[in-house]
Amino acid sequence: MVSIFGIAKKGFGMLGKKKVSKTISSVKPAKNLAEKFKAKQEMFKVVDKGGYNLTPVQKGKIKREGAAEVDKIMKKHGK
């Protein structure tokens, strides 16, 4: 049988030690994510509003392709 002090003694070695990972510095954060998100949302609204005769699968395909185009344009123009 292990006493209460034995259990506390085993866990005592973990006190004060913190696991900290190195910071990733090789990948730069994307720029203007809010602006890109807003542009995509506007495009999605247009597809939903104007594509009333499309099936959900067709709308999804148009939205995916449009989102990729928005990403490409934003990346090209540095926005």
N, C-alpha and C. Protein backbone atom coordinates (compact mmCIF):
# COMPACT_ATOMS: atom_id res chain seq x y z
N MET A 1 0.83 -1.17 0.00
CA MET A 1 0.00 0.00 0.00
C MET A 1 0.89 1.25 0.00
N VAL A 2 0.50 2.22 -0.78
CA VAL A 2 1.28 3.45 -0.88
C VAL A 2 0.62 4.50 0.00
N SER A 3 1.44 5.17 0.76
CA SER A 3 0.88 6.20 1.64
C SER A 3 0.61 7.48 0.84
N ILE A 4 -0.10 8.39 1.42
CA ILE A 4 -0.43 9.67 0.78
C ILE A 4 0.85 10.44 0.48
N PHE A 5 1.82 10.36 1.37
CA PHE A 5 3.07 11.08 1.18
C PHE A 5 3.88 10.50 0.02
N GLY A 6 3.78 9.20 -0.18
CA GLY A 6 4.48 8.56 -1.29
C GLY A 6 3.93 9.03 -2.63
N ILE A 7 2.62 9.16 -2.73
CA ILE A 7 1.99 9.64 -3.96
C ILE A 7 2.39 11.09 -4.21
N ALA A 8 2.34 11.91 -3.16
CA ALA A 8 2.70 13.32 -3.30
C ALA A 8 4.17 13.46 -3.68
N LYS A 9 5.01 12.60 -3.14
CA LYS A 9 6.44 12.67 -3.42
C LYS A 9 6.73 12.35 -4.89
N LYS A 10 5.98 11.40 -5.48
CA LYS A 10 6.17 11.04 -6.88
C LYS A 10 5.80 12.21 -7.79
N GLY A 11 4.73 12.90 -7.52
CA GLY A 11 4.28 14.00 -8.34
C GLY A 11 5.03 15.29 -8.08
N PHE A 12 5.75 15.37 -6.99
CA PHE A 12 6.44 16.60 -6.62
C PHE A 12 7.53 16.97 -7.61
N GLY A 13 8.14 15.99 -8.26
CA GLY A 13 9.20 16.26 -9.23
C GLY A 13 8.69 16.98 -10.46
N MET A 14 7.40 16.91 -10.74
CA MET A 14 6.84 17.56 -11.92
C MET A 14 6.55 19.04 -11.69
N LEU A 15 6.53 19.46 -10.44
CA LEU A 15 6.23 20.86 -10.17
C LEU A 15 7.34 21.76 -10.67
N GLY A 16 7.00 22.85 -11.26
CA GLY A 16 7.98 23.82 -11.72
C GLY A 16 8.51 23.55 -13.12
N LYS A 17 8.20 22.40 -13.70
CA LYS A 17 8.67 22.10 -15.05
C LYS A 17 7.56 22.43 -16.04
N LYS A 18 7.90 23.18 -17.04
CA LYS A 18 6.92 23.53 -18.07
C LYS A 18 7.43 23.02 -19.41
N LYS A 19 6.54 22.44 -20.17
CA LYS A 19 6.90 21.99 -21.51
C LYS A 19 6.60 23.13 -22.47
N VAL A 20 7.62 23.65 -23.10
CA VAL A 20 7.46 24.76 -24.04
C VAL A 20 8.10 24.35 -25.36
N SER A 21 7.31 24.42 -26.42
CA SER A 21 7.82 24.09 -27.75
C SER A 21 8.52 25.30 -28.35
N LYS A 22 9.38 25.02 -29.33
CA LYS A 22 10.02 26.11 -30.04
C LYS A 22 9.00 26.82 -30.92
N THR A 23 9.19 28.10 -31.13
CA THR A 23 8.31 28.87 -31.98
C THR A 23 8.65 28.60 -33.43
N ILE A 24 7.62 28.38 -34.24
CA ILE A 24 7.83 28.15 -35.67
C ILE A 24 8.09 29.49 -36.33
N SER A 25 9.24 29.63 -36.95
CA SER A 25 9.58 30.90 -37.57
C SER A 25 9.73 30.79 -39.08
N SER A 26 9.67 29.57 -39.61
CA SER A 26 9.89 29.38 -41.04
C SER A 26 8.65 29.71 -41.87
N VAL A 27 7.47 29.68 -41.27
CA VAL A 27 6.23 29.94 -42.00
C VAL A 27 5.72 31.32 -41.62
N LYS A 28 5.53 32.15 -42.60
CA LYS A 28 5.03 33.50 -42.36
C LYS A 28 3.50 33.49 -42.33
N PRO A 29 2.88 34.26 -41.45
CA PRO A 29 1.42 34.30 -41.41
C PRO A 29 0.87 35.00 -42.65
N ALA A 30 -0.33 34.58 -43.05
CA ALA A 30 -0.97 35.17 -44.22
C ALA A 30 -1.37 36.61 -43.93
N LYS A 31 -1.46 37.41 -44.98
CA LYS A 31 -1.81 38.81 -44.83
C LYS A 31 -3.28 39.01 -45.15
N ASN A 32 -3.90 39.95 -44.47
CA ASN A 32 -5.27 40.39 -44.71
C ASN A 32 -6.27 39.24 -44.77
N LEU A 33 -6.27 38.40 -43.77
CA LEU A 33 -7.20 37.29 -43.74
C LEU A 33 -8.65 37.78 -43.63
N ALA A 34 -8.88 38.85 -42.91
CA ALA A 34 -10.23 39.38 -42.76
C ALA A 34 -10.76 39.88 -44.09
N GLU A 35 -9.92 40.54 -44.86
CA GLU A 35 -10.34 41.05 -46.17
C GLU A 35 -10.65 39.90 -47.12
N LYS A 36 -9.83 38.87 -47.07
CA LYS A 36 -10.04 37.69 -47.92
C LYS A 36 -11.34 36.98 -47.53
N PHE A 37 -11.58 36.87 -46.24
CA PHE A 37 -12.80 36.23 -45.74
C PHE A 37 -14.03 37.02 -46.20
N LYS A 38 -13.96 38.34 -46.10
CA LYS A 38 -15.09 39.18 -46.51
C LYS A 38 -15.38 39.03 -48.00
N ALA A 39 -14.33 38.99 -48.82
CA ALA A 39 -14.51 38.83 -50.27
C ALA A 39 -15.16 37.49 -50.59
N LYS A 40 -14.75 36.44 -49.90
CA LYS A 40 -15.34 35.12 -50.13
C LYS A 40 -16.81 35.10 -49.71
N GLN A 41 -17.11 35.72 -48.57
CA GLN A 41 -18.50 35.74 -48.09
C GLN A 41 -19.41 36.48 -49.06
N GLU A 42 -18.92 37.57 -49.64
CA GLU A 42 -19.71 38.31 -50.62
C GLU A 42 -19.96 37.45 -51.85
N MET A 43 -18.95 36.73 -52.29
CA MET A 43 -19.10 35.85 -53.45
C MET A 43 -20.10 34.74 -53.14
N PHE A 44 -20.06 34.18 -51.93
CA PHE A 44 -20.99 33.13 -51.54
C PHE A 44 -22.43 33.65 -51.55
N LYS A 45 -22.64 34.88 -51.07
CA LYS A 45 -23.98 35.48 -51.06
C LYS A 45 -24.51 35.62 -52.48
N VAL A 46 -23.65 36.05 -53.40
CA VAL A 46 -24.07 36.23 -54.80
C VAL A 46 -24.47 34.89 -55.40
N VAL A 47 -23.70 33.84 -55.12
CA VAL A 47 -24.03 32.51 -55.64
C VAL A 47 -25.35 32.02 -55.06
N ASP A 48 -25.55 32.21 -53.76
CA ASP A 48 -26.79 31.76 -53.12
C ASP A 48 -28.00 32.53 -53.65
N LYS A 49 -27.83 33.83 -53.84
CA LYS A 49 -28.94 34.67 -54.27
C LYS A 49 -29.26 34.47 -55.75
N GLY A 50 -28.24 34.44 -56.59
CA GLY A 50 -28.46 34.35 -58.03
C GLY A 50 -28.58 32.93 -58.55
N GLY A 51 -28.16 31.96 -57.80
CA GLY A 51 -28.19 30.57 -58.26
C GLY A 51 -29.37 29.80 -57.72
N TYR A 52 -30.54 30.40 -57.72
CA TYR A 52 -31.73 29.74 -57.16
C TYR A 52 -32.11 28.49 -57.94
N ASN A 53 -31.72 28.37 -59.22
CA ASN A 53 -32.06 27.20 -60.01
C ASN A 53 -30.96 26.14 -60.01
N LEU A 54 -29.92 26.33 -59.21
CA LEU A 54 -28.82 25.37 -59.13
C LEU A 54 -29.05 24.39 -57.98
N THR A 55 -28.50 23.20 -58.12
CA THR A 55 -28.57 22.23 -57.02
C THR A 55 -27.50 22.59 -56.00
N PRO A 56 -27.64 22.08 -54.78
CA PRO A 56 -26.61 22.35 -53.76
C PRO A 56 -25.22 21.87 -54.18
N VAL A 57 -25.15 20.79 -54.93
CA VAL A 57 -23.85 20.28 -55.40
C VAL A 57 -23.22 21.28 -56.37
N GLN A 58 -24.04 21.81 -57.28
CA GLN A 58 -23.54 22.79 -58.24
C GLN A 58 -23.10 24.07 -57.53
N LYS A 59 -23.88 24.51 -56.56
CA LYS A 59 -23.51 25.71 -55.79
C LYS A 59 -22.19 25.49 -55.06
N GLY A 60 -22.03 24.31 -54.46
CA GLY A 60 -20.79 24.00 -53.75
C GLY A 60 -19.59 24.03 -54.66
N LYS A 61 -19.75 23.49 -55.87
CA LYS A 61 -18.65 23.48 -56.82
C LYS A 61 -18.27 24.90 -57.23
N ILE A 62 -19.27 25.73 -57.50
CA ILE A 62 -19.03 27.12 -57.89
C ILE A 62 -18.35 27.88 -56.74
N LYS A 63 -18.80 27.64 -55.52
CA LYS A 63 -18.22 28.32 -54.35
C LYS A 63 -16.76 27.91 -54.15
N ARG A 64 -16.46 26.61 -54.28
CA ARG A 64 -15.07 26.14 -54.12
C ARG A 64 -14.16 26.76 -55.17
N GLU A 65 -14.63 26.73 -56.43
CA GLU A 65 -13.81 27.29 -57.50
C GLU A 65 -13.65 28.80 -57.32
N GLY A 66 -14.73 29.47 -56.91
CA GLY A 66 -14.66 30.91 -56.69
C GLY A 66 -13.73 31.28 -55.54
N ALA A 67 -13.78 30.48 -54.47
CA ALA A 67 -12.89 30.73 -53.33
C ALA A 67 -11.43 30.58 -53.74
N ALA A 68 -11.15 29.58 -54.58
CA ALA A 68 -9.78 29.39 -55.06
C ALA A 68 -9.35 30.58 -55.91
N GLU A 69 -10.24 31.11 -56.73
CA GLU A 69 -9.93 32.27 -57.55
C GLU A 69 -9.68 33.52 -56.69
N VAL A 70 -10.50 33.68 -55.65
CA VAL A 70 -10.31 34.82 -54.74
C VAL A 70 -8.94 34.72 -54.08
N ASP A 71 -8.57 33.53 -53.63
CA ASP A 71 -7.25 33.33 -53.02
C ASP A 71 -6.13 33.69 -54.00
N LYS A 72 -6.29 33.23 -55.26
CA LYS A 72 -5.27 33.48 -56.27
C LYS A 72 -5.13 34.98 -56.55
N ILE A 73 -6.26 35.68 -56.66
CA ILE A 73 -6.24 37.12 -56.95
C ILE A 73 -5.62 37.87 -55.77
N MET A 74 -6.02 37.54 -54.55
CA MET A 74 -5.48 38.22 -53.37
C MET A 74 -3.98 38.00 -53.26
N LYS A 75 -3.54 36.79 -53.55
CA LYS A 75 -2.12 36.47 -53.46
C LYS A 75 -1.33 37.23 -54.53
N LYS A 76 -1.88 37.30 -55.74
CA LYS A 76 -1.19 37.95 -56.85
C LYS A 76 -1.01 39.44 -56.61
N HIS A 77 -2.04 40.07 -56.05
CA HIS A 77 -2.00 41.52 -55.87
C HIS A 77 -1.51 41.93 -54.49
N GLY A 78 -1.09 40.96 -53.69
CA GLY A 78 -0.52 41.27 -52.39
C GLY A 78 -1.51 41.81 -51.38
N LYS A 79 -2.75 41.46 -51.55
CA LYS A 79 -3.78 41.93 -50.61
C LYS A 79 -4.17 40.82 -49.68
